[in-house]
Amino acid sequence: MKNKPIKRHEALKPLSREHHYGLLLCWKIRQGFKLNVDSQRIKDYTEWFKVQYLEPHFEAEEQYIFPVLGNDHELVKRALSEHRRLKRLFDQETEITKALILIEEELYSHIRFEERVLFNEIQRIATSEQLAEIEEKHQGIAFSDKEWKDKFWV
């Protein structure tokens, strides 16, 4: 049975769109391996993605979204733990192939958790004032990798 689409509040839609870019990164990593691309080429792209999108995205979630439930909430603790783990994987300079495989798996799983569980709970609990503040403070990160010359995934 197919999951029915989640009705996302306007305030959380920019973050959900950013999750789409993260899922696209996972796909690009998988494609790179499928096409036998050198791991360093994939790593270069993931490093660029981390700086341009992942770090600002994590920062926005941690500053504006997670406080709705509080850092002691089990779902937030899990998300923060996964953020730390993902940052370590993105920063890993040895065993790059293994790190990329883990990034692909764990980022995909993390995004699915946030979309299907955490954001639903935040949306359920948040007051209209909290949602308005989120909407005001985070309009989203515009994504474009058109300038990236090495399109290893095509």
N, C-alpha and C. Protein backbone atom coordinates (compact mmCIF):
# COMPACT_ATOMS: atom_id res chain seq x y z
N MET A 1 0.84 -1.18 0.00
CA MET A 1 0.00 0.00 0.00
C MET A 1 0.89 1.25 0.00
N LYS A 2 0.57 2.18 -0.83
CA LYS A 2 1.37 3.40 -0.97
C LYS A 2 1.01 4.37 0.16
N ASN A 3 2.05 5.03 0.70
CA ASN A 3 1.80 6.06 1.71
C ASN A 3 1.06 7.21 1.07
N LYS A 4 0.04 7.70 1.77
CA LYS A 4 -0.66 8.86 1.19
C LYS A 4 0.17 10.11 1.48
N PRO A 5 0.08 11.10 0.61
CA PRO A 5 0.90 12.30 0.77
C PRO A 5 0.61 12.99 2.10
N ILE A 6 1.66 13.56 2.67
CA ILE A 6 1.54 14.26 3.94
C ILE A 6 1.15 15.70 3.64
N LYS A 7 0.14 16.18 4.34
CA LYS A 7 -0.23 17.58 4.22
C LYS A 7 0.70 18.38 5.12
N ARG A 8 1.60 19.12 4.50
CA ARG A 8 2.61 19.86 5.25
C ARG A 8 2.16 21.30 5.42
N HIS A 9 2.29 21.81 6.63
CA HIS A 9 1.98 23.22 6.89
C HIS A 9 2.94 24.11 6.10
N GLU A 10 2.43 25.25 5.64
CA GLU A 10 3.24 26.18 4.82
C GLU A 10 4.58 26.51 5.46
N ALA A 11 4.61 26.65 6.77
CA ALA A 11 5.83 27.02 7.48
C ALA A 11 6.92 25.96 7.35
N LEU A 12 6.51 24.70 7.18
CA LEU A 12 7.48 23.61 7.10
C LEU A 12 7.81 23.20 5.67
N LYS A 13 7.07 23.71 4.71
CA LYS A 13 7.30 23.33 3.31
C LYS A 13 8.71 23.64 2.80
N PRO A 14 9.30 24.79 3.14
CA PRO A 14 10.67 25.03 2.66
C PRO A 14 11.66 23.96 3.14
N LEU A 15 11.50 23.52 4.38
CA LEU A 15 12.40 22.48 4.91
C LEU A 15 12.13 21.14 4.22
N SER A 16 10.88 20.86 3.91
CA SER A 16 10.56 19.63 3.19
C SER A 16 11.14 19.66 1.78
N ARG A 17 11.11 20.83 1.13
CA ARG A 17 11.74 20.95 -0.19
C ARG A 17 13.24 20.70 -0.09
N GLU A 18 13.85 21.22 0.96
CA GLU A 18 15.29 20.99 1.17
C GLU A 18 15.56 19.49 1.38
N HIS A 19 14.64 18.79 2.01
CA HIS A 19 14.79 17.34 2.16
C HIS A 19 14.83 16.67 0.79
N HIS A 20 14.04 17.19 -0.12
CA HIS A 20 14.07 16.64 -1.48
C HIS A 20 15.48 16.73 -2.07
N TYR A 21 16.17 17.84 -1.84
CA TYR A 21 17.54 17.99 -2.35
C TYR A 21 18.48 16.97 -1.70
N GLY A 22 18.23 16.68 -0.43
CA GLY A 22 19.02 15.66 0.26
C GLY A 22 18.80 14.28 -0.34
N LEU A 23 17.53 13.97 -0.66
CA LEU A 23 17.23 12.69 -1.31
C LEU A 23 17.87 12.62 -2.69
N LEU A 24 17.92 13.75 -3.37
CA LEU A 24 18.57 13.83 -4.67
C LEU A 24 20.07 13.55 -4.53
N LEU A 25 20.67 14.07 -3.46
CA LEU A 25 22.09 13.78 -3.19
C LEU A 25 22.29 12.27 -3.02
N CYS A 26 21.40 11.62 -2.29
CA CYS A 26 21.50 10.16 -2.10
C CYS A 26 21.45 9.46 -3.45
N TRP A 27 20.55 9.89 -4.30
CA TRP A 27 20.44 9.30 -5.64
C TRP A 27 21.73 9.51 -6.43
N LYS A 28 22.31 10.71 -6.34
CA LYS A 28 23.55 11.01 -7.07
C LYS A 28 24.70 10.13 -6.58
N ILE A 29 24.77 9.92 -5.29
CA ILE A 29 25.80 9.03 -4.74
C ILE A 29 25.60 7.62 -5.30
N ARG A 30 24.36 7.12 -5.25
CA ARG A 30 24.08 5.77 -5.78
C ARG A 30 24.45 5.69 -7.26
N GLN A 31 24.07 6.72 -8.03
CA GLN A 31 24.40 6.75 -9.47
C GLN A 31 25.90 6.73 -9.68
N GLY A 32 26.61 7.51 -8.89
CA GLY A 32 28.07 7.55 -9.00
C GLY A 32 28.67 6.18 -8.84
N PHE A 33 28.21 5.44 -7.84
CA PHE A 33 28.74 4.09 -7.63
C PHE A 33 28.32 3.16 -8.76
N LYS A 34 27.08 3.30 -9.20
CA LYS A 34 26.58 2.46 -10.29
C LYS A 34 27.41 2.67 -11.57
N LEU A 35 27.86 3.91 -11.78
CA LEU A 35 28.65 4.24 -12.96
C LEU A 35 30.16 4.10 -12.73
N ASN A 36 30.53 3.52 -11.59
CA ASN A 36 31.94 3.31 -11.24
C ASN A 36 32.77 4.59 -11.23
N VAL A 37 32.17 5.66 -10.72
CA VAL A 37 32.85 6.94 -10.61
C VAL A 37 33.83 6.88 -9.43
N ASP A 38 34.99 7.50 -9.60
CA ASP A 38 35.99 7.57 -8.52
C ASP A 38 35.36 8.23 -7.29
N SER A 39 35.55 7.62 -6.14
CA SER A 39 34.93 8.10 -4.89
C SER A 39 35.30 9.55 -4.57
N GLN A 40 36.51 9.96 -4.92
CA GLN A 40 36.92 11.33 -4.62
C GLN A 40 36.06 12.36 -5.37
N ARG A 41 35.65 12.04 -6.58
CA ARG A 41 34.78 12.94 -7.34
C ARG A 41 33.43 13.10 -6.63
N ILE A 42 32.91 11.99 -6.12
CA ILE A 42 31.64 12.02 -5.39
C ILE A 42 31.83 12.80 -4.08
N LYS A 43 32.94 12.53 -3.41
CA LYS A 43 33.26 13.21 -2.14
C LYS A 43 33.35 14.73 -2.35
N ASP A 44 33.96 15.15 -3.45
CA ASP A 44 34.06 16.59 -3.73
C ASP A 44 32.67 17.22 -3.81
N TYR A 45 31.76 16.53 -4.47
CA TYR A 45 30.39 17.05 -4.60
C TYR A 45 29.70 17.05 -3.23
N THR A 46 29.86 15.98 -2.46
CA THR A 46 29.19 15.94 -1.15
C THR A 46 29.74 17.03 -0.23
N GLU A 47 31.01 17.34 -0.36
CA GLU A 47 31.61 18.41 0.45
C GLU A 47 30.97 19.75 0.08
N TRP A 48 30.83 20.00 -1.21
CA TRP A 48 30.18 21.22 -1.68
C TRP A 48 28.73 21.27 -1.18
N PHE A 49 28.01 20.15 -1.30
CA PHE A 49 26.62 20.07 -0.86
C PHE A 49 26.51 20.34 0.64
N LYS A 50 27.43 19.77 1.40
CA LYS A 50 27.41 19.94 2.86
C LYS A 50 27.49 21.42 3.23
N VAL A 51 28.43 22.13 2.63
CA VAL A 51 28.64 23.54 2.96
C VAL A 51 27.48 24.41 2.47
N GLN A 52 27.04 24.17 1.23
CA GLN A 52 26.01 25.01 0.62
C GLN A 52 24.61 24.76 1.17
N TYR A 53 24.29 23.52 1.49
CA TYR A 53 22.90 23.16 1.82
C TYR A 53 22.72 22.43 3.13
N LEU A 54 23.52 21.42 3.38
CA LEU A 54 23.27 20.59 4.55
C LEU A 54 23.48 21.35 5.86
N GLU A 55 24.61 22.03 5.99
CA GLU A 55 24.88 22.76 7.24
C GLU A 55 23.83 23.84 7.49
N PRO A 56 23.49 24.68 6.50
CA PRO A 56 22.44 25.68 6.75
C PRO A 56 21.07 25.04 7.05
N HIS A 57 20.79 23.91 6.42
CA HIS A 57 19.52 23.21 6.67
C HIS A 57 19.47 22.69 8.11
N PHE A 58 20.53 22.00 8.55
CA PHE A 58 20.57 21.51 9.92
C PHE A 58 20.44 22.67 10.91
N GLU A 59 21.14 23.77 10.62
CA GLU A 59 21.09 24.94 11.49
C GLU A 59 19.65 25.47 11.61
N ALA A 60 18.96 25.56 10.49
CA ALA A 60 17.57 26.05 10.51
C ALA A 60 16.68 25.12 11.32
N GLU A 61 16.83 23.82 11.13
CA GLU A 61 16.01 22.88 11.90
C GLU A 61 16.29 23.03 13.40
N GLU A 62 17.58 23.10 13.74
CA GLU A 62 17.96 23.15 15.15
C GLU A 62 17.56 24.46 15.80
N GLN A 63 17.57 25.56 15.04
CA GLN A 63 17.22 26.87 15.59
C GLN A 63 15.72 27.12 15.65
N TYR A 64 14.99 26.69 14.62
CA TYR A 64 13.60 27.10 14.49
C TYR A 64 12.58 25.99 14.66
N ILE A 65 12.93 24.76 14.31
CA ILE A 65 11.95 23.67 14.29
C ILE A 65 11.99 22.85 15.57
N PHE A 66 13.17 22.38 15.94
CA PHE A 66 13.29 21.49 17.09
C PHE A 66 12.83 22.13 18.41
N PRO A 67 13.04 23.45 18.61
CA PRO A 67 12.57 24.04 19.88
C PRO A 67 11.07 23.89 20.13
N VAL A 68 10.30 23.65 19.09
CA VAL A 68 8.85 23.45 19.27
C VAL A 68 8.62 22.28 20.24
N LEU A 69 9.38 21.22 20.07
CA LEU A 69 9.24 20.05 20.96
C LEU A 69 10.22 20.12 22.13
N GLY A 70 11.34 20.80 21.94
CA GLY A 70 12.37 20.89 22.99
C GLY A 70 13.43 19.83 22.80
N ASN A 71 14.66 20.18 23.17
CA ASN A 71 15.80 19.28 22.95
C ASN A 71 15.77 18.02 23.81
N ASP A 72 14.88 17.97 24.80
CA ASP A 72 14.77 16.76 25.64
C ASP A 72 13.77 15.76 25.08
N HIS A 73 13.02 16.15 24.04
CA HIS A 73 12.05 15.26 23.43
C HIS A 73 12.79 14.14 22.69
N GLU A 74 12.30 12.91 22.82
CA GLU A 74 12.98 11.75 22.22
C GLU A 74 13.19 11.90 20.71
N LEU A 75 12.20 12.43 20.00
CA LEU A 75 12.34 12.58 18.54
C LEU A 75 13.41 13.60 18.19
N VAL A 76 13.49 14.67 18.97
CA VAL A 76 14.50 15.70 18.73
C VAL A 76 15.89 15.16 19.08
N LYS A 77 15.96 14.42 20.18
CA LYS A 77 17.26 13.80 20.56
C LYS A 77 17.75 12.91 19.42
N ARG A 78 16.85 12.13 18.85
CA ARG A 78 17.24 11.25 17.74
C ARG A 78 17.71 12.08 16.55
N ALA A 79 16.97 13.12 16.19
CA ALA A 79 17.34 13.96 15.04
C ALA A 79 18.70 14.62 15.27
N LEU A 80 18.92 15.15 16.46
CA LEU A 80 20.20 15.80 16.76
C LEU A 80 21.36 14.81 16.71
N SER A 81 21.12 13.62 17.22
CA SER A 81 22.13 12.56 17.17
C SER A 81 22.46 12.20 15.72
N GLU A 82 21.43 12.10 14.89
CA GLU A 82 21.64 11.79 13.47
C GLU A 82 22.35 12.94 12.76
N HIS A 83 22.05 14.17 13.12
CA HIS A 83 22.76 15.32 12.54
C HIS A 83 24.26 15.21 12.85
N ARG A 84 24.59 14.92 14.11
CA ARG A 84 26.00 14.80 14.50
C ARG A 84 26.68 13.68 13.73
N ARG A 85 26.03 12.54 13.64
CA ARG A 85 26.59 11.40 12.91
C ARG A 85 26.81 11.74 11.44
N LEU A 86 25.83 12.37 10.81
CA LEU A 86 25.96 12.73 9.40
C LEU A 86 27.09 13.73 9.19
N LYS A 87 27.21 14.71 10.09
CA LYS A 87 28.32 15.67 9.97
C LYS A 87 29.66 14.95 10.03
N ARG A 88 29.79 14.00 10.93
CA ARG A 88 31.05 13.23 11.03
C ARG A 88 31.32 12.45 9.74
N LEU A 89 30.28 11.85 9.18
CA LEU A 89 30.46 11.09 7.93
C LEU A 89 30.86 12.02 6.79
N PHE A 90 30.22 13.17 6.68
CA PHE A 90 30.56 14.12 5.62
C PHE A 90 31.99 14.63 5.78
N ASP A 91 32.46 14.74 7.03
CA ASP A 91 33.81 15.27 7.29
C ASP A 91 34.90 14.21 7.21
N GLN A 92 34.52 12.97 7.10
CA GLN A 92 35.50 11.88 7.11
C GLN A 92 36.44 11.98 5.89
N GLU A 93 37.73 11.91 6.16
CA GLU A 93 38.73 12.03 5.10
C GLU A 93 39.39 10.70 4.74
N THR A 94 39.13 9.67 5.53
CA THR A 94 39.67 8.35 5.22
C THR A 94 38.50 7.42 4.93
N GLU A 95 38.78 6.30 4.30
CA GLU A 95 37.72 5.34 3.95
C GLU A 95 36.54 6.06 3.31
N ILE A 96 36.84 6.86 2.30
CA ILE A 96 35.85 7.72 1.65
C ILE A 96 34.69 6.91 1.06
N THR A 97 35.01 5.81 0.40
CA THR A 97 33.95 5.00 -0.21
C THR A 97 32.96 4.52 0.84
N LYS A 98 33.50 4.01 1.95
CA LYS A 98 32.64 3.54 3.04
C LYS A 98 31.80 4.69 3.60
N ALA A 99 32.42 5.85 3.78
CA ALA A 99 31.70 7.01 4.31
C ALA A 99 30.58 7.42 3.36
N LEU A 100 30.84 7.41 2.06
CA LEU A 100 29.81 7.80 1.08
C LEU A 100 28.64 6.83 1.10
N ILE A 101 28.94 5.55 1.22
CA ILE A 101 27.87 4.54 1.30
C ILE A 101 27.01 4.81 2.53
N LEU A 102 27.66 5.09 3.66
CA LEU A 102 26.93 5.36 4.89
C LEU A 102 26.15 6.68 4.81
N ILE A 103 26.73 7.69 4.17
CA ILE A 103 26.00 8.96 3.98
C ILE A 103 24.72 8.69 3.20
N GLU A 104 24.85 7.97 2.10
CA GLU A 104 23.68 7.68 1.27
C GLU A 104 22.59 6.97 2.08
N GLU A 105 22.97 5.95 2.83
CA GLU A 105 22.00 5.17 3.60
C GLU A 105 21.41 5.98 4.75
N GLU A 106 22.28 6.64 5.50
CA GLU A 106 21.82 7.30 6.72
C GLU A 106 21.11 8.62 6.43
N LEU A 107 21.54 9.35 5.42
CA LEU A 107 20.84 10.58 5.07
C LEU A 107 19.43 10.26 4.57
N TYR A 108 19.32 9.24 3.73
CA TYR A 108 18.00 8.81 3.24
C TYR A 108 17.08 8.45 4.42
N SER A 109 17.59 7.63 5.32
CA SER A 109 16.81 7.20 6.48
C SER A 109 16.45 8.39 7.38
N HIS A 110 17.39 9.29 7.58
CA HIS A 110 17.17 10.47 8.42
C HIS A 110 16.07 11.36 7.83
N ILE A 111 16.11 11.59 6.55
CA ILE A 111 15.10 12.44 5.90
C ILE A 111 13.72 11.79 6.02
N ARG A 112 13.66 10.50 5.79
CA ARG A 112 12.37 9.79 5.91
C ARG A 112 11.83 9.89 7.34
N PHE A 113 12.71 9.76 8.33
CA PHE A 113 12.29 9.91 9.73
C PHE A 113 11.75 11.31 9.99
N GLU A 114 12.48 12.32 9.55
CA GLU A 114 12.02 13.69 9.81
C GLU A 114 10.69 13.97 9.11
N GLU A 115 10.58 13.53 7.87
CA GLU A 115 9.34 13.81 7.11
C GLU A 115 8.14 13.04 7.65
N ARG A 116 8.32 11.79 7.97
CA ARG A 116 7.18 10.93 8.33
C ARG A 116 6.84 10.94 9.81
N VAL A 117 7.83 11.28 10.65
CA VAL A 117 7.60 11.21 12.09
C VAL A 117 7.78 12.58 12.76
N LEU A 118 8.99 13.10 12.72
CA LEU A 118 9.32 14.32 13.47
C LEU A 118 8.50 15.53 13.02
N PHE A 119 8.48 15.81 11.72
CA PHE A 119 7.74 16.98 11.24
C PHE A 119 6.24 16.84 11.50
N ASN A 120 5.73 15.62 11.41
CA ASN A 120 4.31 15.42 11.72
C ASN A 120 4.01 15.77 13.17
N GLU A 121 4.90 15.37 14.06
CA GLU A 121 4.72 15.67 15.48
C GLU A 121 4.85 17.17 15.73
N ILE A 122 5.83 17.80 15.10
CA ILE A 122 6.00 19.25 15.26
C ILE A 122 4.76 19.97 14.74
N GLN A 123 4.29 19.56 13.60
CA GLN A 123 3.11 20.17 13.00
C GLN A 123 1.89 20.00 13.91
N ARG A 124 1.79 18.87 14.59
CA ARG A 124 0.66 18.58 15.47
C ARG A 124 0.71 19.44 16.74
N ILE A 125 1.92 19.66 17.26
CA ILE A 125 2.11 20.32 18.56
C ILE A 125 2.25 21.84 18.44
N ALA A 126 2.84 22.32 17.37
CA ALA A 126 3.18 23.74 17.24
C ALA A 126 1.96 24.65 17.31
N THR A 127 2.13 25.77 17.98
CA THR A 127 1.08 26.78 18.02
C THR A 127 1.12 27.58 16.71
N SER A 128 0.07 28.30 16.43
CA SER A 128 0.07 29.12 15.22
C SER A 128 1.16 30.18 15.30
N GLU A 129 1.45 30.67 16.50
CA GLU A 129 2.53 31.65 16.68
C GLU A 129 3.89 31.03 16.35
N GLN A 130 4.12 29.80 16.81
CA GLN A 130 5.39 29.13 16.51
C GLN A 130 5.54 28.89 15.00
N LEU A 131 4.47 28.46 14.37
CA LEU A 131 4.52 28.22 12.92
C LEU A 131 4.75 29.52 12.16
N ALA A 132 4.13 30.61 12.61
CA ALA A 132 4.34 31.91 11.97
C ALA A 132 5.80 32.35 12.11
N GLU A 133 6.38 32.09 13.28
CA GLU A 133 7.79 32.46 13.50
C GLU A 133 8.72 31.64 12.61
N ILE A 134 8.44 30.35 12.48
CA ILE A 134 9.24 29.49 11.60
C ILE A 134 9.15 30.02 10.17
N GLU A 135 7.94 30.33 9.75
CA GLU A 135 7.71 30.81 8.38
C GLU A 135 8.46 32.12 8.14
N GLU A 136 8.48 32.97 9.15
CA GLU A 136 9.15 34.27 9.04
C GLU A 136 10.68 34.11 8.98
N LYS A 137 11.21 33.18 9.76
CA LYS A 137 12.67 33.08 9.90
C LYS A 137 13.34 32.18 8.86
N HIS A 138 12.58 31.26 8.26
CA HIS A 138 13.21 30.36 7.28
C HIS A 138 12.32 30.20 6.05
N GLN A 139 12.72 30.88 4.99
CA GLN A 139 11.96 30.79 3.74
C GLN A 139 12.52 29.71 2.81
N GLY A 140 13.60 29.09 3.23
CA GLY A 140 14.17 28.02 2.42
C GLY A 140 15.50 28.41 1.80
N ILE A 141 16.22 27.41 1.39
CA ILE A 141 17.52 27.57 0.75
C ILE A 141 17.33 27.22 -0.72
N ALA A 142 17.55 28.18 -1.59
CA ALA A 142 17.40 27.92 -3.03
C ALA A 142 18.49 26.95 -3.47
N PHE A 143 18.10 25.92 -4.19
CA PHE A 143 19.06 24.91 -4.63
C PHE A 143 19.38 25.04 -6.11
N SER A 144 20.66 24.99 -6.41
CA SER A 144 21.10 24.89 -7.80
C SER A 144 22.52 24.35 -7.81
N ASP A 145 22.72 23.31 -8.59
CA ASP A 145 24.09 22.82 -8.78
C ASP A 145 24.49 22.93 -10.26
N LYS A 146 23.82 23.84 -10.96
CA LYS A 146 24.12 24.04 -12.38
C LYS A 146 25.58 24.45 -12.61
N GLU A 147 26.15 25.17 -11.64
CA GLU A 147 27.53 25.62 -11.76
C GLU A 147 28.54 24.48 -11.51
N TRP A 148 28.06 23.39 -10.92
CA TRP A 148 28.96 22.27 -10.63
C TRP A 148 29.34 21.61 -11.95
N LYS A 149 30.62 21.63 -12.27
CA LYS A 149 31.09 21.19 -13.59
C LYS A 149 31.09 19.66 -13.74
N ASP A 150 31.42 18.94 -12.68
CA ASP A 150 31.59 17.49 -12.76
C ASP A 150 30.27 16.77 -12.45
N LYS A 151 29.44 16.61 -13.45
CA LYS A 151 28.14 15.94 -13.28
C LYS A 151 28.34 14.42 -13.42
N PHE A 152 29.00 13.85 -12.42
CA PHE A 152 29.36 12.43 -12.44
C PHE A 152 28.16 11.50 -12.50
N TRP A 153 27.00 11.99 -12.15
CA TRP A 153 25.80 11.15 -12.04
C TRP A 153 25.06 10.95 -13.36
N VAL A 154 25.48 11.62 -14.43
CA VAL A 154 24.80 11.46 -15.73
C VAL A 154 25.58 10.56 -16.67
